[in-house]
Structure formats: structure tokens, C-alpha cells
Amino acid sequence: MKTMLAAVLLVLPALAPVRESAPKPVTPPSEEAVKKWGKGDILVVADLTSAREGPSLPTNPPQYNTVLALKVSEPLRGALKKDDTASGNLRTKGQKPTLTVGKKHLVALTTDRGGYRVEAIEELTDDNLKDARAVAALPRGWSVEGKEFVSPWAALGKKAWPEGLEGKSAIRCARTGRPALPVGDEIEFSVEKVPPTKEIKFQNPDGDGEYKITLRNPTGKDVKIPALFSDGQKVLWDESVVIVCQGKAYPAPGAAGLPAKAKPVELKAGESISGAVNALRLEGPEWPRGGYRIEFLFCLGEKASNQSFYYYSKHHDAIRAALGAK
């Protein structure tokens, strides 16, 4: 009897509930890796199936254009999937690129008005693949300074992540404590320009800076979205969305910090939700003079959409002034 009791007691500790431990810390990728592989909205491992020389530009130094044909073997970030094909333009200065057709390459791309622009490309190695995976794990707009993760909300300090808010991640902002939170694979993310109140030919073909961001749950179950917050009454788009412009990440205009009662938004099965953000309220970008294009990368967690915007200064300067932008 004593032997049987001892055996039962030995088993009992194994039956005790296991407490969920905090995620293990993650070593940040190098700043150089983030700058190289963090550009654009797509990062893939792809077979380089052809490299066709395009026209060169008679600048000093000369600029060369090469049209690359790619077949994706492993998507790391963005909309392209395994076995997708894509064609992208690579522009280099000073000398023509040295590329090996038939080899696997690591490629960073930007979606540009229905096509792709190659931001960085290297023949695949174990080292650059390791770097790229680490960069792909970062939410869009996050950076690395030294050996610390820094979020786009760093300037807000503790307002960006009040004490007591829940959110588990192995990656946290060193300035604010805010965790790197995802949207999730199950949720569809899209961004589209909002038509202007008054369309003026040749001046605002892309509207007046307002964009509609939509999340949709196509599944048959309710899904929480850790990267998108609500205060219980309204969705906090300004506190959740990030805009990258000219290589710098900005919180959505109007971001002032999360309330202590903020909770992740939950979408019911088949439900969608939309919010508007006006990129012309950003303070910091160098706005074009005359008529020229500027790009906005709208980001939410790991999701991103690049939007090319035609800025006509005589028209859009007045709109920015009316919005209170400097």
C-alpha cells in the first residue's frame, strides 16, 4: 500500500498545470541588415530565371536598369507566395550588376503601381538568409539601434505602452516597452486611396492624401488582432498604424498614446472593418515641389501596402496647411 501511495505522489507533480512562460528574448539583427532587407513591402527567396539589360541613363555616374524575372521559392514577408513569378526593375549606379541566372537569390522588392522595384538582391547564403529571417520577424517600421529594438512610437515614451496592458512578444521596444504585435495570417489587409471631394485633372489623380485601411476575417471563426487596438467604443487606428515615408517610420498622424484600457480588436467570422488615415498630415517628409511622386508604406504589424502618391504642390500644399500640417 505504501509503495502504491508513493508512486501516486510521484506522478502528481507532473499533472500540475503548466504556467505559460514569457517569450525568450530575441537577439536583434544588425542595423545594416535591417537597412538592406527591411526596404520595400516584400522579401523573398527566389530563383533568378532571367536578367535582361534595360536602358542606361546618361547621368554621372551612369545608371543602369536591369529587368529581373523571379520565381519565389520561399516567401519571407509580403504578398508573394511560393511558386509565384514576378518581374522587377533593378537600378544600379556606376556599374552594371553582377548576377547569376539560375541561382537562388534573396530579394527585397517594393510594389510600385502594379509592378515591382528591386531594392536589394544578393545570391543566397546561410548568413544573409539568417539576417533576412530576423528582419522579417520585425513589424514594419521598427528599427534596430545598437543591440536594441526601437518602435515607431519611441517618441511617445511610456504613453505608447501604459503599464498593465497585455501583449506578449519576444520583441519589445527598448524606449517604450511596447511589444511587437502581429495582425495574424488569418486576416486579410488592404489599403486603397479615397477619391477626392473634387478631382482636378493632372493635379490629384491619387486623391488628397486620405487612405482607407481594411481588415477582413475570411475564416469561419472569430479572430483577435493583437496589432489593432480599441478603447471599447472606437477602433484606435492612429495608435496602431505606422506610415513609412522616405525611409523614416511615423506613427499615424494623431497618435498620442494608448489608453490603459486598450484591448485588441476582435473580428467575427466573415466580418471586416475599415478606418481612414490621411498621409498629408505627416510632419517630417520632404514634400515634392511642382508635381512629383512620393510613396507611403502603410503598416500594421507585419502587414504593409505601398502606395505611390502624385503630389502637386500648388494644390496639396494648401490641403496640408488646412489639415494643420507643417
Protein backbone atom coordinates (compact mmCIF):
# COMPACT_ATOMS: atom_id res chain seq x y z
CA MET A 1 0.00 0.00 0.00
CA LYS A 2 2.83 2.39 0.88
CA THR A 3 4.53 1.58 -2.40
CA MET A 4 1.37 2.41 -4.38
CA LEU A 5 0.88 5.72 -2.49
CA ALA A 6 4.47 6.75 -3.15
CA ALA A 7 4.00 6.06 -6.86
CA VAL A 8 0.87 8.23 -6.95
CA LEU A 9 2.67 11.08 -5.19
CA LEU A 10 5.50 10.89 -7.70
CA VAL A 11 3.00 11.26 -10.57
CA LEU A 12 1.03 14.18 -9.10
CA PRO A 13 3.59 16.95 -9.77
CA ALA A 14 3.62 16.02 -13.45
CA LEU A 15 -0.16 16.54 -13.56
CA ALA A 16 0.03 20.07 -12.14
CA PRO A 17 -0.94 22.85 -14.59
CA VAL A 18 1.97 24.28 -16.56
CA ARG A 19 2.30 28.05 -16.29
CA GLU A 20 2.83 29.91 -19.54
CA SER A 21 6.29 31.41 -19.54
CA ALA A 22 7.26 34.73 -21.10
CA PRO A 23 8.74 34.54 -24.61
CA LYS A 24 12.50 34.18 -24.68
CA PRO A 25 14.39 37.36 -25.66
CA VAL A 26 15.39 37.67 -29.30
CA THR A 27 18.77 38.91 -30.49
CA PRO A 28 18.24 41.86 -32.85
CA PRO A 29 19.58 41.67 -36.40
CA SER A 30 22.31 44.15 -37.28
CA GLU A 31 21.41 47.71 -38.26
CA GLU A 32 22.95 47.03 -41.68
CA ALA A 33 20.70 44.00 -42.23
CA VAL A 34 17.59 45.99 -41.31
CA LYS A 35 18.52 48.81 -43.69
CA LYS A 36 19.16 46.39 -46.55
CA TRP A 37 16.42 43.77 -46.17
CA GLY A 38 13.86 45.99 -44.43
CA LYS A 39 13.24 48.07 -47.55
CA GLY A 40 10.08 47.55 -49.54
CA ASP A 41 6.98 45.54 -48.72
CA ILE A 42 8.14 42.13 -49.99
CA LEU A 43 11.06 39.90 -49.01
CA VAL A 44 11.55 36.53 -50.70
CA VAL A 45 13.98 33.79 -51.60
CA ALA A 46 13.63 33.38 -55.35
CA ASP A 47 15.21 31.72 -58.36
CA LEU A 48 16.61 34.29 -60.76
CA THR A 49 15.30 32.97 -64.09
CA SER A 50 16.49 35.84 -66.28
CA ALA A 51 18.23 39.23 -66.15
CA ARG A 52 17.56 41.45 -69.16
CA GLU A 53 19.58 44.62 -69.62
CA GLY A 54 17.43 47.72 -70.00
CA PRO A 55 18.25 51.30 -71.00
CA SER A 56 21.02 53.13 -69.15
CA LEU A 57 20.68 56.73 -68.04
CA PRO A 58 23.43 59.19 -69.08
CA THR A 59 23.99 60.53 -65.59
CA ASN A 60 27.27 60.92 -63.72
CA PRO A 61 27.82 58.22 -62.60
CA PRO A 62 25.68 56.36 -65.17
CA GLN A 63 22.60 54.46 -64.01
CA TYR A 64 21.80 51.00 -65.32
CA ASN A 65 18.41 49.31 -65.42
CA THR A 66 18.11 45.53 -65.36
CA VAL A 67 14.79 43.72 -65.60
CA LEU A 68 14.82 40.61 -63.41
CA ALA A 69 12.48 37.63 -63.69
CA LEU A 70 11.97 35.78 -60.42
CA LYS A 71 10.22 32.63 -59.23
CA VAL A 72 9.54 32.58 -55.50
CA SER A 73 10.81 29.52 -53.64
CA GLU A 74 10.26 30.86 -50.11
CA PRO A 75 8.24 33.93 -49.13
CA LEU A 76 9.60 35.69 -46.03
CA ARG A 77 7.33 38.73 -45.96
CA GLY A 78 4.70 40.33 -48.15
CA ALA A 79 2.07 39.32 -50.69
CA LEU A 80 4.06 37.00 -52.98
CA LYS A 81 3.57 33.28 -52.36
CA LYS A 82 5.60 30.16 -53.09
CA ASP A 83 5.88 29.48 -56.85
CA ASP A 84 4.65 32.98 -57.75
CA THR A 85 6.54 34.67 -60.58
CA ALA A 86 7.42 38.36 -60.62
CA SER A 87 9.33 40.80 -62.78
CA GLY A 88 11.17 43.68 -61.13
CA ASN A 89 13.44 46.51 -62.24
CA LEU A 90 16.86 46.83 -60.59
CA ARG A 91 18.59 50.21 -60.89
CA THR A 92 22.31 50.45 -60.12
CA LYS A 93 24.74 53.37 -60.27
CA GLY A 94 28.28 53.34 -61.60
CA GLN A 95 28.42 49.79 -62.86
CA LYS A 96 26.22 47.03 -64.16
CA PRO A 97 25.13 44.43 -61.59
CA THR A 98 26.81 41.02 -61.46
CA LEU A 99 24.04 38.44 -61.28
CA THR A 100 23.98 34.67 -61.80
CA VAL A 101 20.89 33.45 -63.63
CA GLY A 102 19.71 30.05 -62.38
CA LYS A 103 20.82 30.65 -58.79
CA LYS A 104 18.65 31.33 -55.73
CA HIS A 105 18.75 34.92 -54.52
CA LEU A 106 17.50 36.88 -51.55
CA VAL A 107 15.40 39.75 -52.90
CA ALA A 108 13.72 42.80 -51.33
CA LEU A 109 11.02 44.39 -53.52
CA THR A 110 8.69 47.36 -53.44
CA THR A 111 5.27 47.17 -55.06
CA ASP A 112 5.10 50.15 -57.40
CA ARG A 113 1.87 50.88 -59.32
CA GLY A 114 1.23 47.34 -60.43
CA GLY A 115 4.89 46.38 -60.87
CA TYR A 116 7.89 45.70 -58.65
CA ARG A 117 11.05 47.64 -57.92
CA VAL A 118 14.08 45.68 -56.69
CA GLU A 119 15.52 47.31 -53.57
CA ALA A 120 18.23 44.74 -52.79
CA ILE A 121 19.36 41.42 -54.22
CA GLU A 122 22.14 39.00 -53.25
CA GLU A 123 22.90 35.41 -54.11
CA LEU A 124 21.53 33.31 -51.26
CA THR A 125 23.86 32.28 -48.42
CA ASP A 126 23.25 30.85 -44.96
CA ASP A 127 24.34 34.16 -43.42
CA ASN A 128 22.12 36.52 -45.41
CA LEU A 129 19.15 34.16 -45.06
CA LYS A 130 19.62 34.23 -41.29
CA ASP A 131 19.72 38.05 -41.40
CA ALA A 132 16.63 38.21 -43.62
CA ARG A 133 14.60 35.92 -41.36
CA ALA A 134 15.45 38.12 -38.38
CA VAL A 135 14.43 41.25 -40.28
CA ALA A 136 11.19 39.63 -41.48
CA ALA A 137 10.26 38.94 -37.85
CA LEU A 138 10.22 42.69 -37.14
CA PRO A 139 6.93 44.56 -37.58
CA ARG A 140 7.04 47.05 -40.41
CA GLY A 141 8.56 50.39 -39.40
CA TRP A 142 10.55 49.02 -36.46
CA SER A 143 14.31 49.57 -36.41
CA VAL A 144 17.41 48.44 -34.55
CA GLU A 145 19.78 50.84 -32.80
CA GLY A 146 22.91 49.16 -31.50
CA LYS A 147 21.51 45.98 -29.99
CA GLU A 148 18.07 47.32 -29.12
CA PHE A 149 14.71 47.15 -30.86
CA VAL A 150 13.09 50.57 -31.40
CA SER A 151 9.45 51.00 -32.36
CA PRO A 152 7.94 53.86 -34.40
CA TRP A 153 6.25 55.07 -31.18
CA ALA A 154 9.56 55.65 -29.36
CA ALA A 155 8.98 59.41 -29.07
CA LEU A 156 5.78 58.79 -27.08
CA GLY A 157 7.72 57.10 -24.29
CA LYS A 158 5.61 55.18 -21.79
CA LYS A 159 2.41 56.59 -23.32
CA ALA A 160 2.98 54.17 -26.18
CA TRP A 161 2.51 51.22 -23.81
CA PRO A 162 0.94 52.05 -20.42
CA GLU A 163 1.72 49.72 -17.54
CA GLY A 164 -0.75 46.89 -17.28
CA LEU A 165 -1.53 46.45 -20.97
CA GLU A 166 -1.31 42.86 -22.13
CA GLY A 167 0.68 41.83 -25.15
CA LYS A 168 3.26 39.05 -25.34
CA SER A 169 6.15 39.14 -27.75
CA ALA A 170 9.82 38.22 -27.75
CA ILE A 171 10.49 41.61 -29.35
CA ARG A 172 9.95 44.78 -27.30
CA CYS A 173 10.78 48.42 -27.90
CA ALA A 174 13.68 49.49 -25.67
CA ARG A 175 12.25 53.02 -25.33
CA THR A 176 8.60 52.28 -24.58
CA GLY A 177 8.27 48.62 -23.62
CA ARG A 178 5.74 48.19 -26.42
CA PRO A 179 5.75 44.61 -27.78
CA ALA A 180 5.91 43.75 -31.46
CA LEU A 181 2.37 42.55 -32.13
CA PRO A 182 1.07 40.85 -35.30
CA VAL A 183 -2.12 41.11 -37.30
CA GLY A 184 -2.05 37.37 -37.96
CA ASP A 185 -2.00 35.16 -41.04
CA GLU A 186 -5.77 34.63 -40.99
CA ILE A 187 -6.58 38.32 -41.51
CA GLU A 188 -6.60 39.99 -44.92
CA PHE A 189 -5.15 43.52 -45.09
CA SER A 190 -5.71 46.09 -47.85
CA VAL A 191 -5.19 49.81 -48.44
CA GLU A 192 -6.87 51.97 -51.07
CA LYS A 193 -6.92 55.68 -51.84
CA VAL A 194 -10.08 57.60 -51.03
CA PRO A 195 -11.38 59.56 -54.06
CA PRO A 196 -11.03 63.34 -53.58
CA THR A 197 -14.05 65.52 -52.92
CA LYS A 198 -13.18 67.34 -56.13
CA GLU A 199 -10.99 65.71 -58.77
CA ILE A 200 -8.81 68.16 -60.70
CA LYS A 201 -7.25 66.89 -63.90
CA PHE A 202 -3.46 66.44 -63.73
CA GLN A 203 -3.37 67.62 -60.08
CA ASN A 204 -4.80 64.96 -57.76
CA PRO A 205 -5.16 61.65 -59.66
CA ASP A 206 -4.36 59.81 -56.41
CA GLY A 207 -6.68 61.89 -54.28
CA ASP A 208 -5.89 64.29 -51.47
CA GLY A 209 -3.97 62.06 -49.09
CA GLU A 210 -6.72 60.06 -47.41
CA TYR A 211 -6.45 56.27 -47.48
CA LYS A 212 -8.89 53.58 -46.40
CA ILE A 213 -7.38 50.66 -44.49
CA THR A 214 -9.46 47.48 -44.36
CA LEU A 215 -9.05 44.27 -42.38
CA ARG A 216 -11.20 41.25 -43.19
CA ASN A 217 -11.66 37.96 -41.42
CA PRO A 218 -12.46 35.41 -44.15
CA THR A 219 -12.44 32.47 -41.74
CA GLY A 220 -15.37 30.74 -40.08
CA LYS A 221 -14.29 31.72 -36.56
CA ASP A 222 -13.78 34.88 -34.50
CA VAL A 223 -10.19 36.17 -34.62
CA LYS A 224 -8.39 38.65 -32.34
CA ILE A 225 -5.99 41.13 -33.96
CA PRO A 226 -3.20 41.93 -31.46
CA ALA A 227 -1.78 44.81 -33.55
CA LEU A 228 -5.06 46.77 -33.76
CA PHE A 229 -6.48 48.36 -30.63
CA SER A 230 -9.85 49.60 -29.42
CA ASP A 231 -10.79 51.59 -26.33
CA GLY A 232 -14.06 49.71 -26.11
CA GLN A 233 -16.00 52.29 -28.12
CA LYS A 234 -13.90 53.03 -31.19
CA VAL A 235 -11.00 51.48 -33.08
CA LEU A 236 -7.71 53.27 -32.38
CA TRP A 237 -6.33 53.41 -35.91
CA ASP A 238 -3.99 56.33 -35.16
CA GLU A 239 -2.44 54.42 -32.26
CA SER A 240 -1.98 51.24 -34.29
CA VAL A 241 -1.00 52.21 -37.86
CA VAL A 242 2.51 53.20 -38.94
CA ILE A 243 3.46 55.06 -42.15
CA VAL A 244 6.95 54.74 -43.62
CA CYS A 245 7.94 57.59 -45.94
CA GLN A 246 11.38 58.35 -47.41
CA GLY A 247 12.95 55.69 -45.20
CA LYS A 248 11.56 57.02 -41.90
CA ALA A 249 8.73 55.46 -39.87
CA TYR A 250 6.00 57.65 -38.36
CA PRO A 251 3.07 56.78 -36.11
CA ALA A 252 -0.18 57.61 -37.88
CA PRO A 253 -0.94 61.33 -37.57
CA GLY A 254 -2.84 62.00 -34.38
CA ALA A 255 -1.18 59.25 -32.32
CA ALA A 256 -0.88 60.38 -28.70
CA GLY A 257 -0.52 57.08 -26.84
CA LEU A 258 -2.65 54.09 -25.95
CA PRO A 259 -5.18 54.31 -23.11
CA ALA A 260 -4.67 51.93 -20.21
CA LYS A 261 -7.93 50.16 -21.09
CA ALA A 262 -6.97 49.44 -24.72
CA LYS A 263 -7.81 45.96 -25.97
CA PRO A 264 -7.12 44.10 -29.22
CA VAL A 265 -9.90 44.32 -31.81
CA GLU A 266 -11.74 41.07 -32.46
CA LEU A 267 -13.35 40.38 -35.83
CA LYS A 268 -16.21 37.92 -36.03
CA ALA A 269 -16.28 35.25 -38.72
CA GLY A 270 -16.64 36.91 -42.13
CA GLU A 271 -16.52 40.42 -40.64
CA SER A 272 -14.46 43.33 -41.98
CA ILE A 273 -13.52 46.69 -40.50
CA SER A 274 -12.17 49.87 -42.10
CA GLY A 275 -10.59 53.11 -40.98
CA ALA A 276 -9.17 56.21 -42.66
CA VAL A 277 -5.73 57.79 -42.32
CA ASN A 278 -4.60 60.97 -44.07
CA ALA A 279 -0.91 60.80 -45.01
CA LEU A 280 -0.75 64.54 -45.78
CA ARG A 281 -0.95 65.20 -42.03
CA LEU A 282 2.53 63.72 -41.59
CA GLU A 283 5.18 66.12 -40.31
CA GLY A 284 8.71 65.30 -41.39
CA PRO A 285 8.75 64.14 -45.03
CA GLU A 286 10.32 66.34 -47.69
CA TRP A 287 7.29 67.21 -49.78
CA PRO A 288 7.83 67.50 -53.55
CA ARG A 289 7.92 70.85 -55.32
CA GLY A 290 5.93 71.20 -58.52
CA GLY A 291 4.42 67.85 -59.45
CA TYR A 292 6.19 64.67 -58.38
CA ARG A 293 5.54 61.30 -56.79
CA ILE A 294 6.05 60.37 -53.15
CA GLU A 295 5.49 56.92 -51.59
CA PHE A 296 3.74 55.90 -48.37
CA LEU A 297 4.11 52.43 -46.90
CA PHE A 298 1.08 51.83 -44.67
CA CYS A 299 1.92 49.28 -41.98
CA LEU A 300 0.02 47.36 -39.33
CA GLY A 301 2.02 44.71 -37.52
CA GLU A 302 3.65 42.51 -40.15
CA LYS A 303 1.29 43.69 -42.90
CA ALA A 304 2.15 46.51 -45.31
CA SER A 305 0.93 48.15 -48.52
CA ASN A 306 2.99 50.58 -50.60
CA GLN A 307 1.08 53.48 -52.17
CA SER A 308 2.51 55.83 -54.80
CA PHE A 309 1.02 59.32 -54.48
CA TYR A 310 1.21 62.14 -57.03
CA TYR A 311 1.84 65.32 -55.05
CA TYR A 312 1.11 68.59 -56.83
CA SER A 313 2.45 71.33 -54.58
CA LYS A 314 0.17 74.15 -55.77
CA HIS A 315 -2.82 72.01 -54.85
CA HIS A 316 -1.68 69.80 -51.96
CA ASP A 317 0.30 72.44 -50.02
CA ALA A 318 -2.96 74.24 -49.26
CA ILE A 319 -4.61 70.99 -48.16
CA ARG A 320 -1.72 70.24 -45.78
CA ALA A 321 -1.99 73.75 -44.34
CA ALA A 322 -5.73 73.30 -43.79
CA LEU A 323 -5.04 69.98 -42.02
CA GLY A 324 -2.65 71.77 -39.67
CA ALA A 325 0.47 70.04 -41.03
CA LYS A 326 3.73 71.96 -41.03
